[in-house]
Amino acid sequence: TAVLFDFSGTLFRVESTDSWLRGTLAASAIR
């Protein structure tokens, strides 16, 4: 009659490592 959910890997998935790095670089002045 109630449900508990985990977050990462259950309801959501984090981006790929490549996307993580590229997103960080895009928001910085580092090229």
ModelCIF file with pLDDT and N, C-alpha, C, O atoms, coordinates in Angstrom:
data_MODEL
#
_entry.id   MODEL 
#
_entity.id                         1 
_entity.type                       polymer 
_entity.pdbx_number_of_molecules   1 
#
_entity_poly.entity_id                      1 
_entity_poly.type                           'polypeptide(L)' 
_entity_poly.nstd_linkage                   no 
_entity_poly.nstd_monomer                   no 
_entity_poly.pdbx_seq_one_letter_code       TAVLFDFSGTLFRVESTDSWLRGTLAASAIR 
_entity_poly.pdbx_seq_one_letter_code_can   TAVLFDFSGTLFRVESTDSWLRGTLAASAIR 
_entity_poly.pdbx_strand_id                 A 
#
loop_
_entity_poly_seq.entity_id 
_entity_poly_seq.num 
_entity_poly_seq.mon_id 
_entity_poly_seq.hetero 
1 1  THR n 
1 2  ALA n 
1 3  VAL n 
1 4  LEU n 
1 5  PHE n 
1 6  ASP n 
1 7  PHE n 
1 8  SER n 
1 9  GLY n 
1 10 THR n 
1 11 LEU n 
1 12 PHE n 
1 13 ARG n 
1 14 VAL n 
1 15 GLU n 
1 16 SER n 
1 17 THR n 
1 18 ASP n 
1 19 SER n 
1 20 TRP n 
1 21 LEU n 
1 22 ARG n 
1 23 GLY n 
1 24 THR n 
1 25 LEU n 
1 26 ALA n 
1 27 ALA n 
1 28 SER n 
1 29 ALA n 
1 30 ILE n 
1 31 ARG n 
#
_struct_asym.id          A 
_struct_asym.entity_id   1 
#
loop_
_ma_qa_metric.id 
_ma_qa_metric.mode 
_ma_qa_metric.name 
_ma_qa_metric.software_group_id 
_ma_qa_metric.type 
1 global pLDDT . pLDDT 
2 local  pLDDT . pLDDT 
#
_ma_qa_metric_global.metric_id      1 
_ma_qa_metric_global.metric_value   95.77 
_ma_qa_metric_global.model_id       1 
_ma_qa_metric_global.ordinal_id     1 
#
loop_
_ma_qa_metric_local.label_asym_id 
_ma_qa_metric_local.label_comp_id 
_ma_qa_metric_local.label_seq_id 
_ma_qa_metric_local.metric_id 
_ma_qa_metric_local.metric_value 
_ma_qa_metric_local.model_id 
_ma_qa_metric_local.ordinal_id 
A THR 1  2 93.00 1 1  
A ALA 2  2 98.00 1 2  
A VAL 3  2 98.00 1 3  
A LEU 4  2 98.00 1 4  
A PHE 5  2 98.00 1 5  
A ASP 6  2 98.00 1 6  
A PHE 7  2 98.00 1 7  
A SER 8  2 98.00 1 8  
A GLY 9  2 97.00 1 9  
A THR 10 2 98.00 1 10 
A LEU 11 2 98.00 1 11 
A PHE 12 2 98.00 1 12 
A ARG 13 2 98.00 1 13 
A VAL 14 2 98.00 1 14 
A GLU 15 2 98.00 1 15 
A SER 16 2 97.00 1 16 
A THR 17 2 97.00 1 17 
A ASP 18 2 97.00 1 18 
A SER 19 2 97.00 1 19 
A TRP 20 2 98.00 1 20 
A LEU 21 2 97.00 1 21 
A ARG 22 2 96.00 1 22 
A GLY 23 2 96.00 1 23 
A THR 24 2 96.00 1 24 
A LEU 25 2 95.00 1 25 
A ALA 26 2 94.00 1 26 
A ALA 27 2 93.00 1 27 
A SER 28 2 91.00 1 28 
A ALA 29 2 85.00 1 29 
A ILE 30 2 88.00 1 30 
A ARG 31 2 88.00 1 31 
#
loop_
_atom_site.group_PDB 
_atom_site.id 
_atom_site.type_symbol 
_atom_site.label_atom_id 
_atom_site.label_alt_id 
_atom_site.label_comp_id 
_atom_site.label_asym_id 
_atom_site.label_entity_id 
_atom_site.label_seq_id 
_atom_site.pdbx_PDB_ins_code 
_atom_site.Cartn_x 
_atom_site.Cartn_y 
_atom_site.Cartn_z 
_atom_site.occupancy 
_atom_site.B_iso_or_equiv 
_atom_site.pdbx_formal_charge 
_atom_site.auth_seq_id 
_atom_site.auth_comp_id 
_atom_site.auth_asym_id 
_atom_site.auth_atom_id 
_atom_site.pdbx_PDB_model_num 
ATOM 1   N N  . THR A 1 1  ? 0.807  -1.221 0.000   1.00 93.00 ? 1  THR A N  1 
ATOM 2   C CA . THR A 1 1  ? 0.000  0.000  0.000   1.00 93.00 ? 1  THR A CA 1 
ATOM 3   C C  . THR A 1 1  ? 0.838  1.267  0.000   1.00 93.00 ? 1  THR A C  1 
ATOM 4   O O  . THR A 1 1  ? 0.291  2.364  0.118   1.00 93.00 ? 1  THR A O  1 
ATOM 5   N N  . ALA A 1 2  ? 2.157  1.140  -0.130  1.00 98.00 ? 2  ALA A N  1 
ATOM 6   C CA . ALA A 1 2  ? 3.057  2.288  -0.279  1.00 98.00 ? 2  ALA A CA 1 
ATOM 7   C C  . ALA A 1 2  ? 4.279  1.806  -1.040  1.00 98.00 ? 2  ALA A C  1 
ATOM 8   O O  . ALA A 1 2  ? 4.630  0.627  -0.979  1.00 98.00 ? 2  ALA A O  1 
ATOM 9   N N  . VAL A 1 3  ? 4.931  2.720  -1.759  1.00 98.00 ? 3  VAL A N  1 
ATOM 10  C CA . VAL A 1 3  ? 6.100  2.351  -2.551  1.00 98.00 ? 3  VAL A CA 1 
ATOM 11  C C  . VAL A 1 3  ? 7.236  3.343  -2.296  1.00 98.00 ? 3  VAL A C  1 
ATOM 12  O O  . VAL A 1 3  ? 7.036  4.558  -2.297  1.00 98.00 ? 3  VAL A O  1 
ATOM 13  N N  . LEU A 1 4  ? 8.422  2.796  -2.080  1.00 98.00 ? 4  LEU A N  1 
ATOM 14  C CA . LEU A 1 4  ? 9.644  3.582  -1.972  1.00 98.00 ? 4  LEU A CA 1 
ATOM 15  C C  . LEU A 1 4  ? 10.498 3.303  -3.216  1.00 98.00 ? 4  LEU A C  1 
ATOM 16  O O  . LEU A 1 4  ? 10.619 2.159  -3.653  1.00 98.00 ? 4  LEU A O  1 
ATOM 17  N N  . PHE A 1 5  ? 11.072 4.343  -3.763  1.00 98.00 ? 5  PHE A N  1 
ATOM 18  C CA . PHE A 1 5  ? 11.931 4.197  -4.936  1.00 98.00 ? 5  PHE A CA 1 
ATOM 19  C C  . PHE A 1 5  ? 13.332 4.729  -4.653  1.00 98.00 ? 5  PHE A C  1 
ATOM 20  O O  . PHE A 1 5  ? 13.501 5.742  -3.975  1.00 98.00 ? 5  PHE A O  1 
ATOM 21  N N  . ASP A 1 6  ? 14.318 4.038  -5.175  1.00 98.00 ? 6  ASP A N  1 
ATOM 22  C CA . ASP A 1 6  ? 15.665 4.574  -5.264  1.00 98.00 ? 6  ASP A CA 1 
ATOM 23  C C  . ASP A 1 6  ? 15.677 5.626  -6.386  1.00 98.00 ? 6  ASP A C  1 
ATOM 24  O O  . ASP A 1 6  ? 14.736 5.715  -7.175  1.00 98.00 ? 6  ASP A O  1 
ATOM 25  N N  . PHE A 1 7  ? 16.730 6.400  -6.442  1.00 98.00 ? 7  PHE A N  1 
ATOM 26  C CA . PHE A 1 7  ? 16.855 7.467  -7.445  1.00 98.00 ? 7  PHE A CA 1 
ATOM 27  C C  . PHE A 1 7  ? 17.677 7.014  -8.658  1.00 98.00 ? 7  PHE A C  1 
ATOM 28  O O  . PHE A 1 7  ? 17.119 6.683  -9.704  1.00 98.00 ? 7  PHE A O  1 
ATOM 29  N N  . SER A 1 8  ? 19.000 7.002  -8.509  1.00 98.00 ? 8  SER A N  1 
ATOM 30  C CA . SER A 1 8  ? 19.894 6.729  -9.631  1.00 98.00 ? 8  SER A CA 1 
ATOM 31  C C  . SER A 1 8  ? 19.859 5.262  -10.036 1.00 98.00 ? 8  SER A C  1 
ATOM 32  O O  . SER A 1 8  ? 20.065 4.373  -9.211  1.00 98.00 ? 8  SER A O  1 
ATOM 33  N N  . GLY A 1 9  ? 19.599 5.024  -11.300 1.00 97.00 ? 9  GLY A N  1 
ATOM 34  C CA . GLY A 1 9  ? 19.522 3.663  -11.809 1.00 97.00 ? 9  GLY A CA 1 
ATOM 35  C C  . GLY A 1 9  ? 18.165 3.030  -11.639 1.00 97.00 ? 9  GLY A C  1 
ATOM 36  O O  . GLY A 1 9  ? 17.934 1.908  -12.089 1.00 97.00 ? 9  GLY A O  1 
ATOM 37  N N  . THR A 1 10 ? 17.253 3.754  -10.983 1.00 98.00 ? 10 THR A N  1 
ATOM 38  C CA . THR A 1 10 ? 15.901 3.237  -10.747 1.00 98.00 ? 10 THR A CA 1 
ATOM 39  C C  . THR A 1 10 ? 14.858 4.128  -11.424 1.00 98.00 ? 10 THR A C  1 
ATOM 40  O O  . THR A 1 10 ? 14.169 3.691  -12.346 1.00 98.00 ? 10 THR A O  1 
ATOM 41  N N  . LEU A 1 11 ? 14.745 5.364  -10.969 1.00 98.00 ? 11 LEU A N  1 
ATOM 42  C CA . LEU A 1 11 ? 13.824 6.311  -11.607 1.00 98.00 ? 11 LEU A CA 1 
ATOM 43  C C  . LEU A 1 11 ? 14.534 7.156  -12.661 1.00 98.00 ? 11 LEU A C  1 
ATOM 44  O O  . LEU A 1 11 ? 13.941 7.528  -13.673 1.00 98.00 ? 11 LEU A O  1 
ATOM 45  N N  . PHE A 1 12 ? 15.809 7.454  -12.413 1.00 98.00 ? 12 PHE A N  1 
ATOM 46  C CA . PHE A 1 12 ? 16.589 8.296  -13.321 1.00 98.00 ? 12 PHE A CA 1 
ATOM 47  C C  . PHE A 1 12 ? 17.912 7.612  -13.661 1.00 98.00 ? 12 PHE A C  1 
ATOM 48  O O  . PHE A 1 12 ? 18.395 6.748  -12.929 1.00 98.00 ? 12 PHE A O  1 
ATOM 49  N N  . ARG A 1 13 ? 18.477 8.023  -14.784 1.00 98.00 ? 13 ARG A N  1 
ATOM 50  C CA . ARG A 1 13 ? 19.801 7.579  -15.184 1.00 98.00 ? 13 ARG A CA 1 
ATOM 51  C C  . ARG A 1 13 ? 20.642 8.816  -15.502 1.00 98.00 ? 13 ARG A C  1 
ATOM 52  O O  . ARG A 1 13 ? 20.185 9.720  -16.202 1.00 98.00 ? 13 ARG A O  1 
ATOM 53  N N  . VAL A 1 14 ? 21.859 8.850  -14.991 1.00 98.00 ? 14 VAL A N  1 
ATOM 54  C CA . VAL A 1 14 ? 22.750 9.967  -15.277 1.00 98.00 ? 14 VAL A CA 1 
ATOM 55  C C  . VAL A 1 14 ? 23.267 9.851  -16.714 1.00 98.00 ? 14 VAL A C  1 
ATOM 56  O O  . VAL A 1 14 ? 23.299 8.760  -17.283 1.00 98.00 ? 14 VAL A O  1 
ATOM 57  N N  . GLU A 1 15 ? 23.666 10.971 -17.288 1.00 98.00 ? 15 GLU A N  1 
ATOM 58  C CA . GLU A 1 15 ? 24.200 10.997 -18.650 1.00 98.00 ? 15 GLU A CA 1 
ATOM 59  C C  . GLU A 1 15 ? 25.480 10.168 -18.752 1.00 98.00 ? 15 GLU A C  1 
ATOM 60  O O  . GLU A 1 15 ? 26.034 9.746  -17.738 1.00 98.00 ? 15 GLU A O  1 
ATOM 61  N N  . SER A 1 16 ? 25.940 9.941  -19.966 1.00 97.00 ? 16 SER A N  1 
ATOM 62  C CA . SER A 1 16 ? 27.175 9.194  -20.182 1.00 97.00 ? 16 SER A CA 1 
ATOM 63  C C  . SER A 1 16 ? 28.376 10.020 -19.735 1.00 97.00 ? 16 SER A C  1 
ATOM 64  O O  . SER A 1 16 ? 28.281 11.238 -19.582 1.00 97.00 ? 16 SER A O  1 
ATOM 65  N N  . THR A 1 17 ? 29.499 9.353  -19.528 1.00 97.00 ? 17 THR A N  1 
ATOM 66  C CA . THR A 1 17 ? 30.711 10.067 -19.122 1.00 97.00 ? 17 THR A CA 1 
ATOM 67  C C  . THR A 1 17 ? 31.131 11.071 -20.184 1.00 97.00 ? 17 THR A C  1 
ATOM 68  O O  . THR A 1 17 ? 31.575 12.172 -19.858 1.00 97.00 ? 17 THR A O  1 
ATOM 69  N N  . ASP A 1 18 ? 30.994 10.699 -21.450 1.00 97.00 ? 18 ASP A N  1 
ATOM 70  C CA . ASP A 1 18 ? 31.349 11.612 -22.536 1.00 97.00 ? 18 ASP A CA 1 
ATOM 71  C C  . ASP A 1 18 ? 30.473 12.867 -22.494 1.00 97.00 ? 18 ASP A C  1 
ATOM 72  O O  . ASP A 1 18 ? 30.979 13.982 -22.618 1.00 97.00 ? 18 ASP A O  1 
ATOM 73  N N  . SER A 1 19 ? 29.164 12.687 -22.319 1.00 97.00 ? 19 SER A N  1 
ATOM 74  C CA . SER A 1 19 ? 28.248 13.825 -22.241 1.00 97.00 ? 19 SER A CA 1 
ATOM 75  C C  . SER A 1 19 ? 28.530 14.672 -21.009 1.00 97.00 ? 19 SER A C  1 
ATOM 76  O O  . SER A 1 19 ? 28.453 15.900 -21.058 1.00 97.00 ? 19 SER A O  1 
ATOM 77  N N  . TRP A 1 20 ? 28.857 14.010 -19.907 1.00 98.00 ? 20 TRP A N  1 
ATOM 78  C CA . TRP A 1 20 ? 29.196 14.690 -18.645 1.00 98.00 ? 20 TRP A CA 1 
ATOM 79  C C  . TRP A 1 20 ? 30.382 15.626 -18.844 1.00 98.00 ? 20 TRP A C  1 
ATOM 80  O O  . TRP A 1 20 ? 30.337 16.788 -18.441 1.00 98.00 ? 20 TRP A O  1 
ATOM 81  N N  . LEU A 1 21 ? 31.429 15.124 -19.460 1.00 97.00 ? 21 LEU A N  1 
ATOM 82  C CA . LEU A 1 21 ? 32.614 15.944 -19.697 1.00 97.00 ? 21 LEU A CA 1 
ATOM 83  C C  . LEU A 1 21 ? 32.315 17.063 -20.683 1.00 97.00 ? 21 LEU A C  1 
ATOM 84  O O  . LEU A 1 21 ? 32.701 18.209 -20.452 1.00 97.00 ? 21 LEU A O  1 
ATOM 85  N N  . ARG A 1 22 ? 31.637 16.748 -21.774 1.00 96.00 ? 22 ARG A N  1 
ATOM 86  C CA . ARG A 1 22 ? 31.345 17.775 -22.778 1.00 96.00 ? 22 ARG A CA 1 
ATOM 87  C C  . ARG A 1 22 ? 30.431 18.864 -22.220 1.00 96.00 ? 22 ARG A C  1 
ATOM 88  O O  . ARG A 1 22 ? 30.615 20.042 -22.527 1.00 96.00 ? 22 ARG A O  1 
ATOM 89  N N  . GLY A 1 23 ? 29.451 18.481 -21.406 1.00 96.00 ? 23 GLY A N  1 
ATOM 90  C CA . GLY A 1 23 ? 28.576 19.471 -20.804 1.00 96.00 ? 23 GLY A CA 1 
ATOM 91  C C  . GLY A 1 23 ? 29.323 20.386 -19.858 1.00 96.00 ? 23 GLY A C  1 
ATOM 92  O O  . GLY A 1 23 ? 29.043 21.583 -19.791 1.00 96.00 ? 23 GLY A O  1 
ATOM 93  N N  . THR A 1 24 ? 30.273 19.828 -19.127 1.00 96.00 ? 24 THR A N  1 
ATOM 94  C CA . THR A 1 24 ? 31.096 20.628 -18.223 1.00 96.00 ? 24 THR A CA 1 
ATOM 95  C C  . THR A 1 24 ? 31.968 21.606 -18.993 1.00 96.00 ? 24 THR A C  1 
ATOM 96  O O  . THR A 1 24 ? 32.077 22.776 -18.627 1.00 96.00 ? 24 THR A O  1 
ATOM 97  N N  . LEU A 1 25 ? 32.579 21.125 -20.049 1.00 95.00 ? 25 LEU A N  1 
ATOM 98  C CA . LEU A 1 25 ? 33.433 21.989 -20.870 1.00 95.00 ? 25 LEU A CA 1 
ATOM 99  C C  . LEU A 1 25 ? 32.628 23.102 -21.532 1.00 95.00 ? 25 LEU A C  1 
ATOM 100 O O  . LEU A 1 25 ? 33.098 24.236 -21.632 1.00 95.00 ? 25 LEU A O  1 
ATOM 101 N N  . ALA A 1 26 ? 31.427 22.787 -21.982 1.00 94.00 ? 26 ALA A N  1 
ATOM 102 C CA . ALA A 1 26 ? 30.596 23.789 -22.662 1.00 94.00 ? 26 ALA A CA 1 
ATOM 103 C C  . ALA A 1 26 ? 30.218 24.933 -21.739 1.00 94.00 ? 26 ALA A C  1 
ATOM 104 O O  . ALA A 1 26 ? 30.004 26.060 -22.186 1.00 94.00 ? 26 ALA A O  1 
ATOM 105 N N  . ALA A 1 27 ? 30.137 24.636 -20.438 1.00 93.00 ? 27 ALA A N  1 
ATOM 106 C CA . ALA A 1 27 ? 29.764 25.665 -19.468 1.00 93.00 ? 27 ALA A CA 1 
ATOM 107 C C  . ALA A 1 27 ? 30.976 26.412 -18.919 1.00 93.00 ? 27 ALA A C  1 
ATOM 108 O O  . ALA A 1 27 ? 30.835 27.303 -18.081 1.00 93.00 ? 27 ALA A O  1 
ATOM 109 N N  . SER A 1 28 ? 32.153 26.052 -19.389 1.00 91.00 ? 28 SER A N  1 
ATOM 110 C CA . SER A 1 28 ? 33.377 26.682 -18.897 1.00 91.00 ? 28 SER A CA 1 
ATOM 111 C C  . SER A 1 28 ? 34.079 27.433 -20.016 1.00 91.00 ? 28 SER A C  1 
ATOM 112 O O  . SER A 1 28 ? 33.634 27.428 -21.164 1.00 91.00 ? 28 SER A O  1 
ATOM 113 N N  . ALA A 1 29 ? 35.188 28.079 -19.659 1.00 85.00 ? 29 ALA A N  1 
ATOM 114 C CA . ALA A 1 29 ? 35.991 28.777 -20.658 1.00 85.00 ? 29 ALA A CA 1 
ATOM 115 C C  . ALA A 1 29 ? 37.109 27.884 -21.186 1.00 85.00 ? 29 ALA A C  1 
ATOM 116 O O  . ALA A 1 29 ? 37.963 28.338 -21.948 1.00 85.00 ? 29 ALA A O  1 
ATOM 117 N N  . ILE A 1 30 ? 37.104 26.624 -20.783 1.00 88.00 ? 30 ILE A N  1 
ATOM 118 C CA . ILE A 1 30 ? 38.171 25.693 -21.158 1.00 88.00 ? 30 ILE A CA 1 
ATOM 119 C C  . ILE A 1 30 ? 37.837 25.057 -22.506 1.00 88.00 ? 30 ILE A C  1 
ATOM 120 O O  . ILE A 1 30 ? 36.737 24.540 -22.701 1.00 88.00 ? 30 ILE A O  1 
ATOM 121 N N  . ARG A 1 31 ? 38.774 25.100 -23.413 1.00 88.00 ? 31 ARG A N  1 
ATOM 122 C CA . ARG A 1 31 ? 38.573 24.523 -24.729 1.00 88.00 ? 31 ARG A CA 1 
ATOM 123 C C  . ARG A 1 31 ? 39.627 23.439 -24.966 1.00 88.00 ? 31 ARG A C  1 
ATOM 124 O O  . ARG A 1 31 ? 39.643 22.814 -26.026 1.00 88.00 ? 31 ARG A O  1 
#
